[in-house]
């Protein structure tokens, strides 16, 4: 990383984070996403303190990742099964030619 760092802002507080120049755009996007999640939680008024808000936001994002990943994996498995069926059908038709 050669000492490169980026300043991000979460709930109005600045944090310096080490990252490579290549990772900087993704880090900036992640910081904006996290800041939005933290603001949503703060606006609900049920959680007080930046650390607790950050933990709740992290849990919410992890839940999103896990649940969307599961659906995505199921869709990929279904697509692979369909492609396998199509290949099997095509190969079976080839057997009748020879």
PDB file of N, CA and C in Angstrom:
ATOM      1  N   UNK A   1       0.815  -1.206   0.000  1.00  0.00           N
ATOM      2  CA  UNK A   1       0.000   0.000   0.000  1.00  0.00           C
ATOM      3  C   UNK A   1       0.853   1.263   0.000  1.00  0.00           C
ATOM      4  N   UNK A   2       2.074   1.148   0.352  1.00  0.00           N
ATOM      5  CA  UNK A   2       3.042   2.245   0.302  1.00  0.00           C
ATOM      6  C   UNK A   2       2.575   3.496   1.033  1.00  0.00           C
ATOM      7  N   UNK A   3       1.919   3.342   2.178  1.00  0.00           N
ATOM      8  CA  UNK A   3       1.585   4.481   3.012  1.00  0.00           C
ATOM      9  C   UNK A   3       0.437   5.344   2.540  1.00  0.00           C
ATOM     10  N   UNK A   4      -0.308   4.926   1.540  1.00  0.00           N
ATOM     11  CA  UNK A   4      -1.425   5.712   1.041  1.00  0.00           C
ATOM     12  C   UNK A   4      -2.610   5.570   1.989  1.00  0.00           C
ATOM     13  N   UNK A   5      -3.267   6.681   2.278  1.00  0.00           N
ATOM     14  CA  UNK A   5      -4.456   6.623   3.116  1.00  0.00           C
ATOM     15  C   UNK A   5      -5.492   7.609   2.605  1.00  0.00           C
ATOM     16  N   UNK A   6      -6.736   7.378   3.030  1.00  0.00           N
ATOM     17  CA  UNK A   6      -7.864   8.176   2.574  1.00  0.00           C
ATOM     18  C   UNK A   6      -8.668   8.602   3.799  1.00  0.00           C
ATOM     19  N   UNK A   7      -9.166   9.812   3.770  1.00  0.00           N
ATOM     20  CA  UNK A   7     -10.060  10.276   4.829  1.00  0.00           C
ATOM     21  C   UNK A   7     -11.494   9.990   4.421  1.00  0.00           C
ATOM     22  N   UNK A   8     -12.236   9.345   5.302  1.00  0.00           N
ATOM     23  CA  UNK A   8     -13.661   9.122   5.084  1.00  0.00           C
ATOM     24  C   UNK A   8     -14.416   9.785   6.217  1.00  0.00           C
ATOM     25  N   UNK A   9     -15.692  10.054   5.985  1.00  0.00           N
ATOM     26  CA  UNK A   9     -16.508  10.697   7.005  1.00  0.00           C
ATOM     27  C   UNK A   9     -17.724   9.844   7.284  1.00  0.00           C
ATOM     28  N   UNK A  10     -17.932   9.547   8.576  1.00  0.00           N
ATOM     29  CA  UNK A  10     -19.087   8.789   9.031  1.00  0.00           C
ATOM     30  C   UNK A  10     -19.773   9.585  10.135  1.00  0.00           C
ATOM     31  N   UNK A  11     -21.029   9.925   9.921  1.00  0.00           N
ATOM     32  CA  UNK A  11     -21.797  10.732  10.862  1.00  0.00           C
ATOM     33  C   UNK A  11     -21.052  11.997  11.276  1.00  0.00           C
ATOM     34  N   UNK A  12     -20.417  12.628  10.291  1.00  0.00           N
ATOM     35  CA  UNK A  12     -19.733  13.887  10.548  1.00  0.00           C
ATOM     36  C   UNK A  12     -18.356  13.759  11.174  1.00  0.00           C
ATOM     37  N   UNK A  13     -17.921  12.543  11.460  1.00  0.00           N
ATOM     38  CA  UNK A  13     -16.595  12.332  12.035  1.00  0.00           C
ATOM     39  C   UNK A  13     -15.658  11.793  10.962  1.00  0.00           C
ATOM     40  N   UNK A  14     -14.437  12.343  10.926  1.00  0.00           N
ATOM     41  CA  UNK A  14     -13.457  11.918   9.927  1.00  0.00           C
ATOM     42  C   UNK A  14     -12.621  10.773  10.469  1.00  0.00           C
ATOM     43  N   UNK A  15     -12.313   9.842   9.564  1.00  0.00           N
ATOM     44  CA  UNK A  15     -11.468   8.707   9.881  1.00  0.00           C
ATOM     45  C   UNK A  15     -10.471   8.536   8.746  1.00  0.00           C
ATOM     46  N   UNK A  16      -9.224   8.272   9.097  1.00  0.00           N
ATOM     47  CA  UNK A  16      -8.188   8.022   8.087  1.00  0.00           C
ATOM     48  C   UNK A  16      -8.053   6.508   7.958  1.00  0.00           C
ATOM     49  N   UNK A  17      -8.158   6.028   6.710  1.00  0.00           N
ATOM     50  CA  UNK A  17      -8.115   4.596   6.438  1.00  0.00           C
ATOM     51  C   UNK A  17      -7.023   4.330   5.409  1.00  0.00           C
ATOM     52  N   UNK A  18      -6.180   3.343   5.698  1.00  0.00           N
ATOM     53  CA  UNK A  18      -5.123   2.957   4.765  1.00  0.00           C
ATOM     54  C   UNK A  18      -5.715   2.104   3.659  1.00  0.00           C
ATOM     55  N   UNK A  19      -5.335   2.401   2.422  1.00  0.00           N
ATOM     56  CA  UNK A  19      -5.766   1.601   1.272  1.00  0.00           C
ATOM     57  C   UNK A  19      -4.888   1.940   0.086  1.00  0.00           C
ATOM     58  N   UNK A  20      -4.910   1.059  -0.895  1.00  0.00           N
ATOM     59  CA  UNK A  20      -4.145   1.346  -2.113  1.00  0.00           C
ATOM     60  C   UNK A  20      -4.932   2.331  -2.975  1.00  0.00           C
ATOM     61  N   UNK A  21      -4.259   2.943  -3.915  1.00  0.00           N
ATOM     62  CA  UNK A  21      -4.946   3.883  -4.822  1.00  0.00           C
ATOM     63  C   UNK A  21      -6.030   3.162  -5.624  1.00  0.00           C
ATOM     64  N   UNK A  22      -5.778   1.909  -5.980  1.00  0.00           N
ATOM     65  CA  UNK A  22      -6.761   1.133  -6.736  1.00  0.00           C
ATOM     66  C   UNK A  22      -8.030   0.892  -5.929  1.00  0.00           C
ATOM     67  N   UNK A  23      -7.909   0.762  -4.621  1.00  0.00           N
ATOM     68  CA  UNK A  23      -9.057   0.480  -3.746  1.00  0.00           C
ATOM     69  C   UNK A  23      -9.829   1.731  -3.343  1.00  0.00           C
ATOM     70  N   UNK A  24      -9.270   2.888  -3.601  1.00  0.00           N
ATOM     71  CA  UNK A  24      -9.858   4.137  -3.130  1.00  0.00           C
ATOM     72  C   UNK A  24     -11.305   4.367  -3.583  1.00  0.00           C
ATOM     73  N   UNK A  25     -11.653   4.180  -4.855  1.00  0.00           N
ATOM     74  CA  UNK A  25     -13.051   4.397  -5.260  1.00  0.00           C
ATOM     75  C   UNK A  25     -14.030   3.455  -4.536  1.00  0.00           C
ATOM     76  N   UNK A  26     -13.641   2.185  -4.392  1.00  0.00           N
ATOM     77  CA  UNK A  26     -14.516   1.236  -3.703  1.00  0.00           C
ATOM     78  C   UNK A  26     -14.645   1.594  -2.226  1.00  0.00           C
ATOM     79  N   UNK A  27     -13.561   2.033  -1.616  1.00  0.00           N
ATOM     80  CA  UNK A  27     -13.602   2.445  -0.215  1.00  0.00           C
ATOM     81  C   UNK A  27     -14.505   3.660  -0.044  1.00  0.00           C
ATOM     82  N   UNK A  28     -14.405   4.609  -0.950  1.00  0.00           N
ATOM     83  CA  UNK A  28     -15.252   5.802  -0.874  1.00  0.00           C
ATOM     84  C   UNK A  28     -16.724   5.427  -1.007  1.00  0.00           C
ATOM     85  N   UNK A  29     -17.041   4.524  -1.929  1.00  0.00           N
ATOM     86  CA  UNK A  29     -18.427   4.073  -2.096  1.00  0.00           C
ATOM     87  C   UNK A  29     -18.911   3.336  -0.853  1.00  0.00           C
ATOM     88  N   UNK A  30     -18.053   2.500  -0.276  1.00  0.00           N
ATOM     89  CA  UNK A  30     -18.419   1.768   0.941  1.00  0.00           C
ATOM     90  C   UNK A  30     -18.664   2.735   2.094  1.00  0.00           C
ATOM     91  N   UNK A  31     -17.847   3.778   2.185  1.00  0.00           N
ATOM     92  CA  UNK A  31     -18.012   4.764   3.253  1.00  0.00           C
ATOM     93  C   UNK A  31     -19.337   5.509   3.116  1.00  0.00           C
ATOM     94  N   UNK A  32     -19.699   5.869   1.903  1.00  0.00           N
ATOM     95  CA  UNK A  32     -20.983   6.542   1.671  1.00  0.00           C
ATOM     96  C   UNK A  32     -22.139   5.619   2.051  1.00  0.00           C
ATOM     97  N   UNK A  33     -22.040   4.351   1.652  1.00  0.00           N
ATOM     98  CA  UNK A  33     -23.089   3.375   1.969  1.00  0.00           C
ATOM     99  C   UNK A  33     -23.214   3.210   3.482  1.00  0.00           C
ATOM    100  N   UNK A  34     -22.075   3.042   4.161  1.00  0.00           N
ATOM    101  CA  UNK A  34     -22.086   2.882   5.613  1.00  0.00           C
ATOM    102  C   UNK A  34     -22.620   4.133   6.306  1.00  0.00           C
ATOM    103  N   UNK A  35     -22.205   5.290   5.841  1.00  0.00           N
ATOM    104  CA  UNK A  35     -22.695   6.545   6.423  1.00  0.00           C
ATOM    105  C   UNK A  35     -24.212   6.643   6.293  1.00  0.00           C
ATOM    106  N   UNK A  36     -24.751   6.278   5.143  1.00  0.00           N
ATOM    107  CA  UNK A  36     -26.207   6.301   4.951  1.00  0.00           C
ATOM    108  C   UNK A  36     -26.908   5.346   5.905  1.00  0.00           C
ATOM    109  N   UNK A  37     -26.358   4.136   6.063  1.00  0.00           N
ATOM    110  CA  UNK A  37     -26.944   3.155   6.986  1.00  0.00           C
ATOM    111  C   UNK A  37     -26.904   3.676   8.419  1.00  0.00           C
ATOM    112  N   UNK A  38     -25.794   4.277   8.791  1.00  0.00           N
ATOM    113  CA  UNK A  38     -25.656   4.806  10.147  1.00  0.00           C
ATOM    114  C   UNK A  38     -26.635   5.959  10.377  1.00  0.00           C
ATOM    115  N   UNK A  39     -26.830   6.805   9.382  1.00  0.00           N
ATOM    116  CA  UNK A  39     -27.790   7.913   9.515  1.00  0.00           C
ATOM    117  C   UNK A  39     -29.222   7.395   9.654  1.00  0.00           C
ATOM    118  N   UNK A  40     -29.559   6.341   8.902  1.00  0.00           N
ATOM    119  CA  UNK A  40     -30.889   5.736   9.028  1.00  0.00           C
ATOM    120  C   UNK A  40     -31.130   5.254  10.457  1.00  0.00           C
ATOM    121  N   UNK A  41     -30.144   4.580  11.018  1.00  0.00           N
ATOM    122  CA  UNK A  41     -30.274   4.052  12.377  1.00  0.00           C
ATOM    123  C   UNK A  41     -30.376   5.193  13.383  1.00  0.00           C
ATOM    124  N   UNK A  42     -29.550   6.211  13.217  1.00  0.00           N
ATOM    125  CA  UNK A  42     -29.586   7.356  14.140  1.00  0.00           C
ATOM    126  C   UNK A  42     -30.929   8.070  14.079  1.00  0.00           C
ATOM    127  N   UNK A  43     -31.481   8.214  12.864  1.00  0.00           N
ATOM    128  CA  UNK A  43     -32.754   8.907  12.700  1.00  0.00           C
ATOM    129  C   UNK A  43     -33.918   8.154  13.332  1.00  0.00           C
ATOM    130  N   UNK A  44     -33.795   6.826  13.451  1.00  0.00           N
ATOM    131  CA  UNK A  44     -34.836   6.046  14.113  1.00  0.00           C
ATOM    132  C   UNK A  44     -34.871   6.350  15.602  1.00  0.00           C
ATOM    133  N   UNK A  45     -33.751   6.838  16.144  1.00  0.00           N
ATOM    134  CA  UNK A  45     -33.702   7.274  17.527  1.00  0.00           C
ATOM    135  C   UNK A  45     -33.654   6.171  18.568  1.00  0.00           C
ATOM    136  N   UNK A  46     -33.529   4.934  18.163  1.00  0.00           N
ATOM    137  CA  UNK A  46     -33.542   3.829  19.120  1.00  0.00           C
ATOM    138  C   UNK A  46     -32.145   3.475  19.620  1.00  0.00           C
ATOM    139  N   UNK A  47     -31.104   3.899  18.884  1.00  0.00           N
ATOM    140  CA  UNK A  47     -29.729   3.561  19.233  1.00  0.00           C
ATOM    141  C   UNK A  47     -28.955   4.858  19.425  1.00  0.00           C
ATOM    142  N   UNK A  48     -28.232   4.941  20.544  1.00  0.00           N
ATOM    143  CA  UNK A  48     -27.469   6.150  20.855  1.00  0.00           C
ATOM    144  C   UNK A  48     -25.990   5.806  20.928  1.00  0.00           C
ATOM    145  N   UNK A  49     -25.165   6.679  20.408  1.00  0.00           N
ATOM    146  CA  UNK A  49     -23.713   6.502  20.441  1.00  0.00           C
ATOM    147  C   UNK A  49     -23.205   5.981  19.113  1.00  0.00           C
ATOM    148  N   UNK A  50     -22.145   6.618  18.621  1.00  0.00           N
ATOM    149  CA  UNK A  50     -21.633   6.270  17.297  1.00  0.00           C
ATOM    150  C   UNK A  50     -21.165   4.822  17.232  1.00  0.00           C
ATOM    151  N   UNK A  51     -20.579   4.317  18.324  1.00  0.00           N
ATOM    152  CA  UNK A  51     -20.102   2.933  18.307  1.00  0.00           C
ATOM    153  C   UNK A  51     -21.270   1.964  18.176  1.00  0.00           C
ATOM    154  N   UNK A  52     -22.327   2.184  18.918  1.00  0.00           N
ATOM    155  CA  UNK A  52     -23.499   1.300  18.837  1.00  0.00           C
ATOM    156  C   UNK A  52     -24.190   1.427  17.488  1.00  0.00           C
ATOM    157  N   UNK A  53     -24.256   2.635  16.970  1.00  0.00           N
ATOM    158  CA  UNK A  53     -24.843   2.838  15.640  1.00  0.00           C
ATOM    159  C   UNK A  53     -24.009   2.101  14.594  1.00  0.00           C
ATOM    160  N   UNK A  54     -22.677   2.179  14.712  1.00  0.00           N
ATOM    161  CA  UNK A  54     -21.798   1.498  13.764  1.00  0.00           C
ATOM    162  C   UNK A  54     -21.988  -0.014  13.840  1.00  0.00           C
ATOM    163  N   UNK A  55     -22.138  -0.546  15.053  1.00  0.00           N
ATOM    164  CA  UNK A  55     -22.345  -1.990  15.207  1.00  0.00           C
ATOM    165  C   UNK A  55     -23.677  -2.404  14.586  1.00  0.00           C
ATOM    166  N   UNK A  56     -24.724  -1.658  14.821  1.00  0.00           N
ATOM    167  CA  UNK A  56     -26.029  -1.982  14.248  1.00  0.00           C
ATOM    168  C   UNK A  56     -25.980  -1.890  12.722  1.00  0.00           C
ATOM    169  N   UNK A  57     -25.301  -0.872  12.199  1.00  0.00           N
ATOM    170  CA  UNK A  57     -25.170  -0.736  10.752  1.00  0.00           C
ATOM    171  C   UNK A  57     -24.393  -1.924  10.181  1.00  0.00           C
ATOM    172  N   UNK A  58     -23.319  -2.324  10.850  1.00  0.00           N
ATOM    173  CA  UNK A  58     -22.530  -3.468  10.387  1.00  0.00           C
ATOM    174  C   UNK A  58     -23.375  -4.736  10.392  1.00  0.00           C
ATOM    175  N   UNK A  59     -24.169  -4.938  11.422  1.00  0.00           N
ATOM    176  CA  UNK A  59     -25.043  -6.109  11.475  1.00  0.00           C
ATOM    177  C   UNK A  59     -26.072  -6.084  10.352  1.00  0.00           C
ATOM    178  N   UNK A  60     -26.653  -4.931  10.102  1.00  0.00           N
ATOM    179  CA  UNK A  60     -27.638  -4.801   9.021  1.00  0.00           C
ATOM    180  C   UNK A  60     -27.005  -5.084   7.653  1.00  0.00           C
ATOM    181  N   UNK A  61     -25.817  -4.556   7.428  1.00  0.00           N
ATOM    182  CA  UNK A  61     -25.136  -4.772   6.150  1.00  0.00           C
ATOM    183  C   UNK A  61     -24.749  -6.245   6.006  1.00  0.00           C
ATOM    184  N   UNK A  62     -24.257  -6.857   7.083  1.00  0.00           N
ATOM    185  CA  UNK A  62     -23.913  -8.276   7.035  1.00  0.00           C
ATOM    186  C   UNK A  62     -25.143  -9.123   6.723  1.00  0.00           C
ATOM    187  N   UNK A  63     -26.272  -8.766   7.329  1.00  0.00           N
ATOM    188  CA  UNK A  63     -27.524  -9.487   7.061  1.00  0.00           C
ATOM    189  C   UNK A  63     -27.919  -9.351   5.593  1.00  0.00           C
ATOM    190  N   UNK A  64     -27.824  -8.143   5.054  1.00  0.00           N
ATOM    191  CA  UNK A  64     -28.120  -7.914   3.636  1.00  0.00           C
ATOM    192  C   UNK A  64     -27.230  -8.780   2.756  1.00  0.00           C
ATOM    193  N   UNK A  65     -25.948  -8.806   3.084  1.00  0.00           N
ATOM    194  CA  UNK A  65     -24.983  -9.566   2.298  1.00  0.00           C
ATOM    195  C   UNK A  65     -25.301 -11.059   2.335  1.00  0.00           C
ATOM    196  N   UNK A  66     -25.586 -11.566   3.515  1.00  0.00           N
ATOM    197  CA  UNK A  66     -25.859 -12.994   3.659  1.00  0.00           C
ATOM    198  C   UNK A  66     -27.152 -13.385   2.963  1.00  0.00           C
ATOM    199  N   UNK A  67     -28.205 -12.607   3.154  1.00  0.00           N
ATOM    200  CA  UNK A  67     -29.491 -12.974   2.556  1.00  0.00           C
ATOM    201  C   UNK A  67     -29.483 -12.781   1.047  1.00  0.00           C
ATOM    202  N   UNK A  68     -28.843 -11.748   0.548  1.00  0.00           N
ATOM    203  CA  UNK A  68     -28.802 -11.566  -0.911  1.00  0.00           C
ATOM    204  C   UNK A  68     -27.871 -12.579  -1.539  1.00  0.00           C
ATOM    205  N   UNK A  69     -26.792 -12.927  -0.853  1.00  0.00           N
ATOM    206  CA  UNK A  69     -25.869 -13.928  -1.366  1.00  0.00           C
ATOM    207  C   UNK A  69     -26.525 -15.285  -1.489  1.00  0.00           C
ATOM    208  N   UNK A  70     -27.371 -15.625  -0.525  1.00  0.00           N
ATOM    209  CA  UNK A  70     -28.074 -16.904  -0.577  1.00  0.00           C
ATOM    210  C   UNK A  70     -29.011 -16.971  -1.762  1.00  0.00           C
ATOM    211  N   UNK A  71     -29.730 -15.912  -2.008  1.00  0.00           N
ATOM    212  CA  UNK A  71     -30.643 -15.872  -3.147  1.00  0.00           C
ATOM    213  C   UNK A  71     -29.862 -15.915  -4.458  1.00  0.00           C
ATOM    214  N   UNK A  72     -28.753 -15.230  -4.476  1.00  0.00           N
ATOM    215  CA  UNK A  72     -27.922 -15.191  -5.681  1.00  0.00           C
ATOM    216  C   UNK A  72     -27.338 -16.578  -5.965  1.00  0.00           C
ATOM    217  N   UNK A  73     -26.884 -17.263  -4.917  1.00  0.00           N
ATOM    218  CA  UNK A  73     -26.334 -18.602  -5.099  1.00  0.00           C
ATOM    219  C   UNK A  73     -27.415 -19.571  -5.579  1.00  0.00           C
ATOM    220  N   UNK A  74     -28.621 -19.458  -5.034  1.00  0.00           N
ATOM    221  CA  UNK A  74     -29.714 -20.334  -5.461  1.00  0.00           C
ATOM    222  C   UNK A  74     -30.038 -20.097  -6.935  1.00  0.00           C
ATOM    223  N   UNK A  75     -30.047 -18.836  -7.351  1.00  0.00           N
ATOM    224  CA  UNK A  75     -30.313 -18.515  -8.755  1.00  0.00           C
ATOM    225  C   UNK A  75     -29.208 -19.064  -9.654  1.00  0.00           C
ATOM    226  N   UNK A  76     -27.968 -18.956  -9.191  1.00  0.00           N
ATOM    227  CA  UNK A  76     -26.859 -19.490  -9.983  1.00  0.00           C
ATOM    228  C   UNK A  76     -26.950 -21.008 -10.097  1.00  0.00           C
ATOM    229  N   UNK A  77     -27.300 -21.681  -8.993  1.00  0.00           N
ATOM    230  CA  UNK A  77     -27.445 -23.141  -9.039  1.00  0.00           C
ATOM    231  C   UNK A  77     -28.563 -23.546  -9.987  1.00  0.00           C
ATOM    232  N   UNK A  78     -29.666 -22.811  -9.968  1.00  0.00           N
ATOM    233  CA  UNK A  78     -30.780 -23.116 -10.869  1.00  0.00           C
ATOM    234  C   UNK A  78     -30.357 -22.919 -12.320  1.00  0.00           C
ATOM    235  N   UNK A  79     -29.609 -21.869 -12.587  1.00  0.00           N
ATOM    236  CA  UNK A  79     -29.139 -21.608 -13.953  1.00  0.00           C
ATOM    237  C   UNK A  79     -28.169 -22.693 -14.409  1.00  0.00           C
ATOM    238  N   UNK A  80     -27.276 -23.112 -13.522  1.00  0.00           N
ATOM    239  CA  UNK A  80     -26.334 -24.189 -13.859  1.00  0.00           C
ATOM    240  C   UNK A  80     -27.091 -25.481 -14.139  1.00  0.00           C
ATOM    241  N   UNK A  81     -28.105 -25.772 -13.326  1.00  0.00           N
ATOM    242  CA  UNK A  81     -28.906 -26.985 -13.549  1.00  0.00           C
ATOM    243  C   UNK A  81     -29.606 -26.931 -14.901  1.00  0.00           C
ATOM    244  N   UNK A  82     -30.132 -25.768 -15.263  1.00  0.00           N
ATOM    245  CA  UNK A  82     -30.804 -25.608 -16.561  1.00  0.00           C
ATOM    246  C   UNK A  82     -29.817 -25.774 -17.707  1.00  0.00           C
ATOM    247  N   UNK A  83     -28.634 -25.167 -17.575  1.00  0.00           N
ATOM    248  CA  UNK A  83     -27.615 -25.308 -18.623  1.00  0.00           C
ATOM    249  C   UNK A  83     -27.150 -26.760 -18.744  1.00  0.00           C
ATOM    250  N   UNK A  84     -27.019 -27.430 -17.622  1.00  0.00           N
ATOM    251  CA  UNK A  84     -26.637 -28.848 -17.640  1.00  0.00           C
ATOM    252  C   UNK A  84     -27.691 -29.672 -18.360  1.00  0.00           C
ATOM    253  N   UNK A  85     -28.955 -29.384 -18.089  1.00  0.00           N
ATOM    254  CA  UNK A  85     -30.052 -30.095 -18.758  1.00  0.00           C
ATOM    255  C   UNK A  85     -30.003 -29.860 -20.262  1.00  0.00           C
ATOM    256  N   UNK A  86     -29.751 -28.618 -20.676  1.00  0.00           N
ATOM    257  CA  UNK A  86     -29.665 -28.296 -22.097  1.00  0.00           C
ATOM    258  C   UNK A  86     -28.500 -29.013 -22.771  1.00  0.00           C
ATOM    259  N   UNK A  87     -27.355 -29.054 -22.112  1.00  0.00           N
ATOM    260  CA  UNK A  87     -26.194 -29.750 -22.667  1.00  0.00           C
ATOM    261  C   UNK A  87     -26.483 -31.245 -22.766  1.00  0.00           C
ATOM    262  N   UNK A  88     -27.075 -31.811 -21.724  1.00  0.00           N
ATOM    263  CA  UNK A  88     -27.419 -33.235 -21.750  1.00  0.00           C
ATOM    264  C   UNK A  88     -28.373 -33.547 -22.902  1.00  0.00           C
ATOM    265  N   UNK A  89     -29.357 -32.687 -23.100  1.00  0.00           N
ATOM    266  CA  UNK A  89     -30.313 -32.891 -24.185  1.00  0.00           C
ATOM    267  C   UNK A  89     -29.614 -32.811 -25.535  1.00  0.00           C
ATOM    268  N   UNK A  90     -28.752 -31.818 -25.704  1.00  0.00           N
ATOM    269  CA  UNK A  90     -28.025 -31.674 -26.965  1.00  0.00           C
ATOM    270  C   UNK A  90     -27.122 -32.876 -27.226  1.00  0.00           C
ATOM    271  N   UNK A  91     -26.465 -33.368 -26.182  1.00  0.00           N
ATOM    272  CA  UNK A  91     -25.592 -34.523 -26.346  1.00  0.00           C
ATOM    273  C   UNK A  91     -26.397 -35.776 -26.646  1.00  0.00           C
ATOM    274  N   UNK A  92     -27.557 -35.924 -26.038  1.00  0.00           N
ATOM    275  CA  UNK A  92     -28.401 -37.084 -26.296  1.00  0.00           C
ATOM    276  C   UNK A  92     -28.857 -37.091 -27.754  1.00  0.00           C
ATOM    277  N   UNK A  93     -29.170 -35.922 -28.298  1.00  0.00           N
ATOM    278  CA  UNK A  93     -29.559 -35.835 -29.689  1.00  0.00           C
ATOM    279  C   UNK A  93     -28.410 -36.207 -30.615  1.00  0.00           C
ATOM    280  N   UNK A  94     -27.174 -35.890 -30.215  1.00  0.00           N
ATOM    281  CA  UNK A  94     -25.988 -36.241 -31.003  1.00  0.00           C
ATOM    282  C   UNK A  94     -25.784 -37.752 -31.049  1.00  0.00           C
ATOM    283  N   UNK A  95     -26.155 -38.442 -29.958  1.00  0.00           N
ATOM    284  CA  UNK A  95     -25.996 -39.903 -29.911  1.00  0.00           C
ATOM    285  C   UNK A  95     -26.835 -40.595 -30.997  1.00  0.00           C
ATOM    286  N   UNK A  96     -27.972 -40.025 -31.298  1.00  0.00           N
ATOM    287  CA  UNK A  96     -28.843 -40.651 -32.313  1.00  0.00           C
ATOM    288  C   UNK A  96     -28.308 -40.438 -33.725  1.00  0.00           C
ATOM    289  N   UNK A  97     -27.410 -39.480 -33.907  1.00  0.00           N
ATOM    290  CA  UNK A  97     -26.858 -39.206 -35.228  1.00  0.00           C
ATOM    291  C   UNK A  97     -25.794 -40.245 -35.612  1.00  0.00           C
ATOM    292  N   UNK A  98     -25.159 -40.852 -34.665  1.00  0.00           N
ATOM    293  CA  UNK A  98     -24.040 -41.761 -34.950  1.00  0.00           C
ATOM    294  C   UNK A  98     -24.429 -43.156 -34.677  1.00  0.00           C
TER     295      UNK A  98
END
